[in-house]
All heavy atoms as atom14 arrays in JSON, in Angstrom:
{
  "sequence": "ANTGHMKLEELTLAELLKNHGYRTGHFGKWHLGGYGTPE",
  "atom14_mask": [
    [1, 1, 1, 1, 1, 0, 0, 0, 0, 0, 0, 0, 0, 0],
    [1, 1, 1, 1, 1, 1, 1, 1, 0, 0, 0, 0, 0, 0],
    [1, 1, 1, 1, 1, 1, 1, 0, 0, 0, 0, 0, 0, 0],
    [1, 1, 1, 1, 0, 0, 0, 0, 0, 0, 0, 0, 0, 0],
    [1, 1, 1, 1, 1, 1, 1, 1, 1, 1, 0, 0, 0, 0],
    [1, 1, 1, 1, 1, 1, 1, 1, 0, 0, 0, 0, 0, 0],
    [1, 1, 1, 1, 1, 1, 1, 1, 1, 0, 0, 0, 0, 0],
    [1, 1, 1, 1, 1, 1, 1, 1, 0, 0, 0, 0, 0, 0],
    [1, 1, 1, 1, 1, 1, 1, 1, 1, 0, 0, 0, 0, 0],
    [1, 1, 1, 1, 1, 1, 1, 1, 1, 0, 0, 0, 0, 0],
    [1, 1, 1, 1, 1, 1, 1, 1, 0, 0, 0, 0, 0, 0],
    [1, 1, 1, 1, 1, 1, 1, 0, 0, 0, 0, 0, 0, 0],
    [1, 1, 1, 1, 1, 1, 1, 1, 0, 0, 0, 0, 0, 0],
    [1, 1, 1, 1, 1, 0, 0, 0, 0, 0, 0, 0, 0, 0],
    [1, 1, 1, 1, 1, 1, 1, 1, 1, 0, 0, 0, 0, 0],
    [1, 1, 1, 1, 1, 1, 1, 1, 0, 0, 0, 0, 0, 0],
    [1, 1, 1, 1, 1, 1, 1, 1, 0, 0, 0, 0, 0, 0],
    [1, 1, 1, 1, 1, 1, 1, 1, 1, 0, 0, 0, 0, 0],
    [1, 1, 1, 1, 1, 1, 1, 1, 0, 0, 0, 0, 0, 0],
    [1, 1, 1, 1, 1, 1, 1, 1, 1, 1, 0, 0, 0, 0],
    [1, 1, 1, 1, 0, 0, 0, 0, 0, 0, 0, 0, 0, 0],
    [1, 1, 1, 1, 1, 1, 1, 1, 1, 1, 1, 1, 0, 0],
    [1, 1, 1, 1, 1, 1, 1, 1, 1, 1, 1, 0, 0, 0],
    [1, 1, 1, 1, 1, 1, 1, 0, 0, 0, 0, 0, 0, 0],
    [1, 1, 1, 1, 0, 0, 0, 0, 0, 0, 0, 0, 0, 0],
    [1, 1, 1, 1, 1, 1, 1, 1, 1, 1, 0, 0, 0, 0],
    [1, 1, 1, 1, 1, 1, 1, 1, 1, 1, 1, 0, 0, 0],
    [1, 1, 1, 1, 0, 0, 0, 0, 0, 0, 0, 0, 0, 0],
    [1, 1, 1, 1, 1, 1, 1, 1, 1, 0, 0, 0, 0, 0],
    [1, 1, 1, 1, 1, 1, 1, 1, 1, 1, 1, 1, 1, 1],
    [1, 1, 1, 1, 1, 1, 1, 1, 1, 1, 0, 0, 0, 0],
    [1, 1, 1, 1, 1, 1, 1, 1, 0, 0, 0, 0, 0, 0],
    [1, 1, 1, 1, 0, 0, 0, 0, 0, 0, 0, 0, 0, 0],
    [1, 1, 1, 1, 0, 0, 0, 0, 0, 0, 0, 0, 0, 0],
    [1, 1, 1, 1, 1, 1, 1, 1, 1, 1, 1, 1, 0, 0],
    [1, 1, 1, 1, 0, 0, 0, 0, 0, 0, 0, 0, 0, 0],
    [1, 1, 1, 1, 1, 1, 1, 0, 0, 0, 0, 0, 0, 0],
    [1, 1, 1, 1, 1, 1, 1, 0, 0, 0, 0, 0, 0, 0],
    [1, 1, 1, 1, 1, 1, 1, 1, 1, 0, 0, 0, 0, 0]
  ],
  "atom14_positions": [
    [[22.19, 143.4, 289.95], [22.34, 143.47, 288.49], [22.29, 142.07, 287.87], [22.84, 141.11, 288.43], [23.64, 144.15, 288.14], [0.0, 0.0, 0.0], [0.0, 0.0, 0.0], [0.0, 0.0, 0.0], [0.0, 0.0, 0.0], [0.0, 0.0, 0.0], [0.0, 0.0, 0.0], [0.0, 0.0, 0.0], [0.0, 0.0, 0.0], [0.0, 0.0, 0.0]],
    [[21.62, 141.96, 286.72], [21.5, 140.7, 285.98], [20.83, 139.61, 286.79], [21.09, 138.42, 286.62], [22.9, 140.21, 285.52], [23.56, 141.21, 284.63], [23.01, 141.71, 283.66], [24.82, 141.56, 284.97], [0.0, 0.0, 0.0], [0.0, 0.0, 0.0], [0.0, 0.0, 0.0], [0.0, 0.0, 0.0], [0.0, 0.0, 0.0], [0.0, 0.0, 0.0]],
    [[19.93, 140.02, 287.67], [19.2, 139.08, 288.52], [17.72, 139.42, 288.52], [17.35, 140.55, 288.85], [19.73, 139.12, 289.97], [21.12, 138.81, 289.97], [19.01, 138.1, 290.84], [0.0, 0.0, 0.0], [0.0, 0.0, 0.0], [0.0, 0.0, 0.0], [0.0, 0.0, 0.0], [0.0, 0.0, 0.0], [0.0, 0.0, 0.0], [0.0, 0.0, 0.0]],
    [[16.88, 138.46, 288.14], [15.44, 138.65, 288.21], [14.91, 139.59, 287.11], [15.62, 139.95, 286.16], [0.0, 0.0, 0.0], [0.0, 0.0, 0.0], [0.0, 0.0, 0.0], [0.0, 0.0, 0.0], [0.0, 0.0, 0.0], [0.0, 0.0, 0.0], [0.0, 0.0, 0.0], [0.0, 0.0, 0.0], [0.0, 0.0, 0.0], [0.0, 0.0, 0.0]],
    [[13.66, 139.96, 287.23], [13.05, 140.88, 286.28], [11.89, 141.58, 286.97], [11.32, 141.1, 287.94], [12.54, 140.14, 285.06], [11.43, 139.18, 285.34], [11.65, 137.92, 285.84], [10.09, 139.31, 285.23], [10.48, 137.3, 286.02], [9.53, 138.12, 285.65], [0.0, 0.0, 0.0], [0.0, 0.0, 0.0], [0.0, 0.0, 0.0], [0.0, 0.0, 0.0]],
    [[11.55, 142.75, 286.44], [10.43, 143.49, 286.97], [9.11, 142.89, 286.47], [8.94, 142.7, 285.28], [10.51, 144.98, 286.56], [9.48, 145.84, 287.28], [9.85, 147.62, 287.09], [9.45, 147.85, 285.36], [0.0, 0.0, 0.0], [0.0, 0.0, 0.0], [0.0, 0.0, 0.0], [0.0, 0.0, 0.0], [0.0, 0.0, 0.0], [0.0, 0.0, 0.0]],
    [[8.22, 142.63, 287.38], [6.95, 141.98, 287.04], [6.05, 142.97, 286.26], [6.04, 144.12, 286.57], [6.25, 141.49, 288.27], [7.08, 140.59, 289.17], [6.34, 140.25, 290.46], [7.25, 139.47, 291.41], [8.37, 140.3, 291.92], [0.0, 0.0, 0.0], [0.0, 0.0, 0.0], [0.0, 0.0, 0.0], [0.0, 0.0, 0.0], [0.0, 0.0, 0.0]],
    [[5.32, 142.44, 285.31], [4.43, 143.27, 284.51], [3.36, 143.95, 285.35], [2.89, 145.03, 284.99], [3.77, 142.44, 283.4], [4.67, 142.07, 282.2], [3.89, 141.17, 281.26], [5.17, 143.31, 281.5], [0.0, 0.0, 0.0], [0.0, 0.0, 0.0], [0.0, 0.0, 0.0], [0.0, 0.0, 0.0], [0.0, 0.0, 0.0], [0.0, 0.0, 0.0]],
    [[2.98, 143.33, 286.45], [1.95, 143.93, 287.28], [2.42, 145.12, 288.12], [1.65, 145.8, 288.77], [1.31, 142.9, 288.22], [2.27, 142.18, 289.13], [2.75, 140.84, 288.56], [2.81, 140.75, 287.31], [3.08, 139.94, 289.33], [0.0, 0.0, 0.0], [0.0, 0.0, 0.0], [0.0, 0.0, 0.0], [0.0, 0.0, 0.0], [0.0, 0.0, 0.0]],
    [[3.74, 145.38, 288.12], [4.27, 146.54, 288.81], [3.73, 147.8, 288.16], [3.65, 147.91, 286.93], [5.8, 146.55, 288.8], [6.41, 145.46, 289.65], [6.15, 145.64, 291.13], [5.88, 146.77, 291.57], [6.26, 144.62, 291.86], [0.0, 0.0, 0.0], [0.0, 0.0, 0.0], [0.0, 0.0, 0.0], [0.0, 0.0, 0.0], [0.0, 0.0, 0.0]],
    [[3.37, 148.77, 289.0], [2.86, 150.04, 288.51], [4.03, 151.03, 288.4], [4.69, 151.3, 289.38], [1.8, 150.57, 289.45], [0.98, 151.78, 289.02], [0.2, 151.48, 287.74], [0.05, 152.24, 290.14], [0.0, 0.0, 0.0], [0.0, 0.0, 0.0], [0.0, 0.0, 0.0], [0.0, 0.0, 0.0], [0.0, 0.0, 0.0], [0.0, 0.0, 0.0]],
    [[4.23, 151.57, 287.22], [5.36, 152.49, 286.98], [4.88, 153.93, 286.9], [3.68, 154.22, 286.72], [6.1, 152.15, 285.68], [5.24, 152.42, 284.56], [6.49, 150.68, 285.67], [0.0, 0.0, 0.0], [0.0, 0.0, 0.0], [0.0, 0.0, 0.0], [0.0, 0.0, 0.0], [0.0, 0.0, 0.0], [0.0, 0.0, 0.0], [0.0, 0.0, 0.0]],
    [[5.83, 154.85, 287.01], [5.53, 156.26, 286.81], [4.89, 156.49, 285.47], [3.96, 157.29, 285.35], [6.82, 157.07, 286.92], [7.29, 157.55, 288.28], [8.66, 158.19, 288.16], [6.31, 158.49, 288.91], [0.0, 0.0, 0.0], [0.0, 0.0, 0.0], [0.0, 0.0, 0.0], [0.0, 0.0, 0.0], [0.0, 0.0, 0.0], [0.0, 0.0, 0.0]],
    [[5.37, 155.81, 284.44], [4.84, 155.99, 283.11], [3.37, 155.6, 283.05], [2.54, 156.28, 282.42], [5.65, 155.16, 282.1], [0.0, 0.0, 0.0], [0.0, 0.0, 0.0], [0.0, 0.0, 0.0], [0.0, 0.0, 0.0], [0.0, 0.0, 0.0], [0.0, 0.0, 0.0], [0.0, 0.0, 0.0], [0.0, 0.0, 0.0], [0.0, 0.0, 0.0]],
    [[3.03, 154.49, 283.67], [1.62, 154.03, 283.67], [0.72, 155.02, 284.41], [-0.39, 155.34, 283.95], [1.52, 152.63, 284.28], [2.16, 151.57, 283.4], [2.25, 150.22, 284.1], [3.0, 150.12, 285.07], [1.55, 149.28, 283.66], [0.0, 0.0, 0.0], [0.0, 0.0, 0.0], [0.0, 0.0, 0.0], [0.0, 0.0, 0.0], [0.0, 0.0, 0.0]],
    [[1.19, 155.49, 285.56], [0.4, 156.46, 286.33], [0.17, 157.73, 285.53], [-0.96, 158.25, 285.47], [1.13, 156.77, 287.63], [1.1, 155.69, 288.71], [2.07, 156.07, 289.84], [-0.3, 155.52, 289.3], [0.0, 0.0, 0.0], [0.0, 0.0, 0.0], [0.0, 0.0, 0.0], [0.0, 0.0, 0.0], [0.0, 0.0, 0.0], [0.0, 0.0, 0.0]],
    [[1.22, 158.25, 284.95], [1.1, 159.52, 284.19], [0.3, 159.33, 282.9], [-0.49, 160.22, 282.52], [2.51, 160.07, 283.89], [3.25, 160.56, 285.14], [4.7, 160.84, 284.8], [2.58, 161.77, 285.72], [0.0, 0.0, 0.0], [0.0, 0.0, 0.0], [0.0, 0.0, 0.0], [0.0, 0.0, 0.0], [0.0, 0.0, 0.0], [0.0, 0.0, 0.0]],
    [[0.47, 158.2, 282.26], [-0.32, 157.91, 281.04], [-1.8, 157.92, 281.36], [-2.63, 158.39, 280.6], [0.12, 156.57, 280.45], [-0.51, 156.27, 279.09], [0.05, 155.0, 278.51], [-0.56, 154.7, 277.15], [0.0, 153.43, 276.6], [0.0, 0.0, 0.0], [0.0, 0.0, 0.0], [0.0, 0.0, 0.0], [0.0, 0.0, 0.0], [0.0, 0.0, 0.0]],
    [[-2.16, 157.36, 282.53], [-3.56, 157.34, 282.96], [-4.11, 158.74, 283.23], [-5.33, 158.94, 283.29], [-3.73, 156.47, 284.21], [-3.54, 154.98, 283.91], [-3.69, 154.54, 282.76], [-3.21, 154.22, 284.94], [0.0, 0.0, 0.0], [0.0, 0.0, 0.0], [0.0, 0.0, 0.0], [0.0, 0.0, 0.0], [0.0, 0.0, 0.0], [0.0, 0.0, 0.0]],
    [[-3.21, 159.7, 283.4], [-3.61, 161.09, 283.65], [-3.4, 161.95, 282.39], [-3.28, 163.18, 282.49], [-2.83, 161.68, 284.82], [-3.34, 161.19, 286.16], [-2.98, 159.97, 286.67], [-4.17, 161.77, 287.04], [-3.57, 159.83, 287.87], [-4.31, 160.9, 288.11], [0.0, 0.0, 0.0], [0.0, 0.0, 0.0], [0.0, 0.0, 0.0], [0.0, 0.0, 0.0]],
    [[-3.32, 161.32, 281.25], [-3.32, 162.07, 280.01], [-1.96, 162.45, 279.48], [-1.87, 163.24, 278.53], [0.0, 0.0, 0.0], [0.0, 0.0, 0.0], [0.0, 0.0, 0.0], [0.0, 0.0, 0.0], [0.0, 0.0, 0.0], [0.0, 0.0, 0.0], [0.0, 0.0, 0.0], [0.0, 0.0, 0.0], [0.0, 0.0, 0.0], [0.0, 0.0, 0.0]],
    [[-0.88, 161.92, 280.03], [0.46, 162.22, 279.55], [0.82, 161.29, 278.4], [0.41, 160.16, 278.34], [1.48, 161.99, 280.67], [1.64, 163.11, 281.65], [0.63, 163.38, 282.58], [2.79, 163.92, 281.67], [0.76, 164.41, 283.51], [2.92, 164.94, 282.6], [1.92, 165.19, 283.5], [2.06, 166.19, 284.42], [0.0, 0.0, 0.0], [0.0, 0.0, 0.0]],
    [[1.66, 161.82, 277.49], [2.33, 160.94, 276.55], [3.69, 160.62, 277.17], [4.32, 161.48, 277.85], [2.48, 161.53, 275.16], [3.21, 162.84, 275.05], [3.06, 163.39, 273.64], [3.76, 164.67, 273.48], [5.01, 164.79, 273.0], [5.64, 163.69, 272.61], [5.56, 165.95, 272.9], [0.0, 0.0, 0.0], [0.0, 0.0, 0.0], [0.0, 0.0, 0.0]],
    [[4.15, 159.41, 277.0], [5.28, 158.91, 277.76], [6.35, 158.35, 276.83], [6.06, 157.6, 275.9], [4.83, 157.81, 278.73], [4.14, 156.8, 278.03], [3.91, 158.38, 279.82], [0.0, 0.0, 0.0], [0.0, 0.0, 0.0], [0.0, 0.0, 0.0], [0.0, 0.0, 0.0], [0.0, 0.0, 0.0], [0.0, 0.0, 0.0], [0.0, 0.0, 0.0]],
    [[7.6, 158.69, 277.11], [8.7, 158.22, 276.27], [9.87, 157.72, 277.06], [10.27, 158.34, 278.06], [0.0, 0.0, 0.0], [0.0, 0.0, 0.0], [0.0, 0.0, 0.0], [0.0, 0.0, 0.0], [0.0, 0.0, 0.0], [0.0, 0.0, 0.0], [0.0, 0.0, 0.0], [0.0, 0.0, 0.0], [0.0, 0.0, 0.0], [0.0, 0.0, 0.0]],
    [[10.43, 156.6, 276.61], [11.63, 156.02, 277.22], [12.75, 156.02, 276.19], [12.59, 155.54, 275.08], [11.34, 154.57, 277.64], [12.53, 153.79, 278.14], [13.5, 153.28, 277.31], [12.92, 153.48, 279.4], [14.43, 152.68, 278.04], [14.09, 152.81, 279.29], [0.0, 0.0, 0.0], [0.0, 0.0, 0.0], [0.0, 0.0, 0.0], [0.0, 0.0, 0.0]],
    [[13.91, 156.59, 276.6], [15.04, 156.74, 275.68], [16.28, 156.25, 276.41], [16.78, 156.91, 277.33], [15.18, 158.19, 275.23], [14.0, 158.69, 274.46], [12.88, 159.14, 275.14], [13.97, 158.67, 273.07], [11.76, 159.6, 274.44], [12.88, 159.13, 272.36], [11.78, 159.57, 273.06], [0.0, 0.0, 0.0], [0.0, 0.0, 0.0], [0.0, 0.0, 0.0]],
    [[16.84, 155.11, 275.99], [18.05, 154.63, 276.58], [17.94, 153.23, 277.16], [17.27, 152.35, 276.66], [0.0, 0.0, 0.0], [0.0, 0.0, 0.0], [0.0, 0.0, 0.0], [0.0, 0.0, 0.0], [0.0, 0.0, 0.0], [0.0, 0.0, 0.0], [0.0, 0.0, 0.0], [0.0, 0.0, 0.0], [0.0, 0.0, 0.0], [0.0, 0.0, 0.0]],
    [[18.54, 153.07, 278.32], [18.75, 151.75, 278.93], [17.53, 151.27, 279.71], [16.99, 152.01, 280.54], [19.97, 151.84, 279.86], [20.35, 150.53, 280.53], [21.59, 150.75, 281.38], [22.04, 149.5, 282.07], [23.24, 149.69, 282.9], [0.0, 0.0, 0.0], [0.0, 0.0, 0.0], [0.0, 0.0, 0.0], [0.0, 0.0, 0.0], [0.0, 0.0, 0.0]],
    [[17.07, 150.06, 279.44], [15.99, 149.44, 280.16], [16.55, 148.41, 281.15], [16.64, 148.66, 282.33], [15.0, 148.78, 279.19], [13.83, 148.13, 279.86], [13.52, 146.8, 279.88], [12.75, 148.78, 280.54], [12.35, 146.57, 280.54], [11.86, 147.77, 280.99], [12.48, 150.11, 280.89], [10.7, 148.05, 281.7], [11.33, 150.39, 281.6], [10.45, 149.36, 282.0]],
    [[16.92, 147.24, 280.67], [17.57, 146.18, 281.47], [16.83, 145.89, 282.78], [17.4, 145.75, 283.86], [19.02, 146.58, 281.8], [19.88, 145.41, 282.22], [20.93, 145.51, 283.08], [19.79, 144.09, 281.88], [21.48, 144.33, 283.25], [20.81, 143.44, 282.53], [0.0, 0.0, 0.0], [0.0, 0.0, 0.0], [0.0, 0.0, 0.0], [0.0, 0.0, 0.0]],
    [[15.49, 145.78, 282.65], [14.66, 145.42, 283.8], [13.87, 144.17, 283.53], [12.82, 143.93, 284.1], [13.71, 146.58, 284.15], [14.38, 147.89, 284.6], [13.33, 148.97, 284.76], [15.17, 147.68, 285.87], [0.0, 0.0, 0.0], [0.0, 0.0, 0.0], [0.0, 0.0, 0.0], [0.0, 0.0, 0.0], [0.0, 0.0, 0.0], [0.0, 0.0, 0.0]],
    [[14.38, 143.35, 282.61], [13.68, 142.11, 282.26], [13.09, 142.22, 280.88], [13.37, 143.12, 280.08], [0.0, 0.0, 0.0], [0.0, 0.0, 0.0], [0.0, 0.0, 0.0], [0.0, 0.0, 0.0], [0.0, 0.0, 0.0], [0.0, 0.0, 0.0], [0.0, 0.0, 0.0], [0.0, 0.0, 0.0], [0.0, 0.0, 0.0], [0.0, 0.0, 0.0]],
    [[12.24, 141.24, 280.55], [11.62, 141.21, 279.24], [12.44, 140.49, 278.22], [12.49, 140.86, 277.05], [0.0, 0.0, 0.0], [0.0, 0.0, 0.0], [0.0, 0.0, 0.0], [0.0, 0.0, 0.0], [0.0, 0.0, 0.0], [0.0, 0.0, 0.0], [0.0, 0.0, 0.0], [0.0, 0.0, 0.0], [0.0, 0.0, 0.0], [0.0, 0.0, 0.0]],
    [[13.17, 139.44, 278.63], [14.01, 138.71, 277.7], [13.19, 138.21, 276.53], [12.15, 137.58, 276.68], [14.68, 137.52, 278.41], [15.56, 136.69, 277.48], [16.8, 137.16, 277.14], [15.13, 135.5, 276.95], [17.64, 136.42, 276.28], [15.92, 134.76, 276.1], [17.18, 135.24, 275.77], [17.96, 134.51, 274.92], [0.0, 0.0, 0.0], [0.0, 0.0, 0.0]],
    [[13.68, 138.46, 275.33], [12.96, 138.03, 274.14], [11.87, 138.98, 273.72], [11.21, 138.77, 272.7], [0.0, 0.0, 0.0], [0.0, 0.0, 0.0], [0.0, 0.0, 0.0], [0.0, 0.0, 0.0], [0.0, 0.0, 0.0], [0.0, 0.0, 0.0], [0.0, 0.0, 0.0], [0.0, 0.0, 0.0], [0.0, 0.0, 0.0], [0.0, 0.0, 0.0]],
    [[11.63, 140.05, 274.51], [10.61, 141.05, 274.14], [11.27, 142.42, 274.19], [11.27, 143.1, 275.18], [9.42, 141.01, 275.13], [9.93, 141.2, 276.49], [8.71, 139.66, 275.1], [0.0, 0.0, 0.0], [0.0, 0.0, 0.0], [0.0, 0.0, 0.0], [0.0, 0.0, 0.0], [0.0, 0.0, 0.0], [0.0, 0.0, 0.0], [0.0, 0.0, 0.0]],
    [[11.91, 142.83, 273.08], [12.67, 144.06, 273.07], [11.85, 145.31, 273.46], [12.41, 146.32, 273.85], [13.13, 144.16, 271.59], [13.07, 142.78, 271.08], [11.94, 142.12, 271.81], [0.0, 0.0, 0.0], [0.0, 0.0, 0.0], [0.0, 0.0, 0.0], [0.0, 0.0, 0.0], [0.0, 0.0, 0.0], [0.0, 0.0, 0.0], [0.0, 0.0, 0.0]],
    [[10.54, 145.22, 273.34], [9.72, 146.37, 273.64], [9.31, 146.38, 275.12], [8.2, 146.78, 275.46], [8.49, 146.39, 272.73], [8.82, 146.66, 271.29], [9.45, 148.01, 271.08], [8.83, 149.03, 271.39], [10.6, 148.07, 270.61], [0.0, 0.0, 0.0], [0.0, 0.0, 0.0], [0.0, 0.0, 0.0], [0.0, 0.0, 0.0], [0.0, 0.0, 0.0]]
  ]
}
């Protein structure tokens, strides 16, 4: 916890499903990096 960040090049479930025509939504806690980039 509170150590490191997830690299942008990591492939997520959302990216895989989006590539297969899904709409994707995140609701709640992220805390996987992206300091200064709330999105």
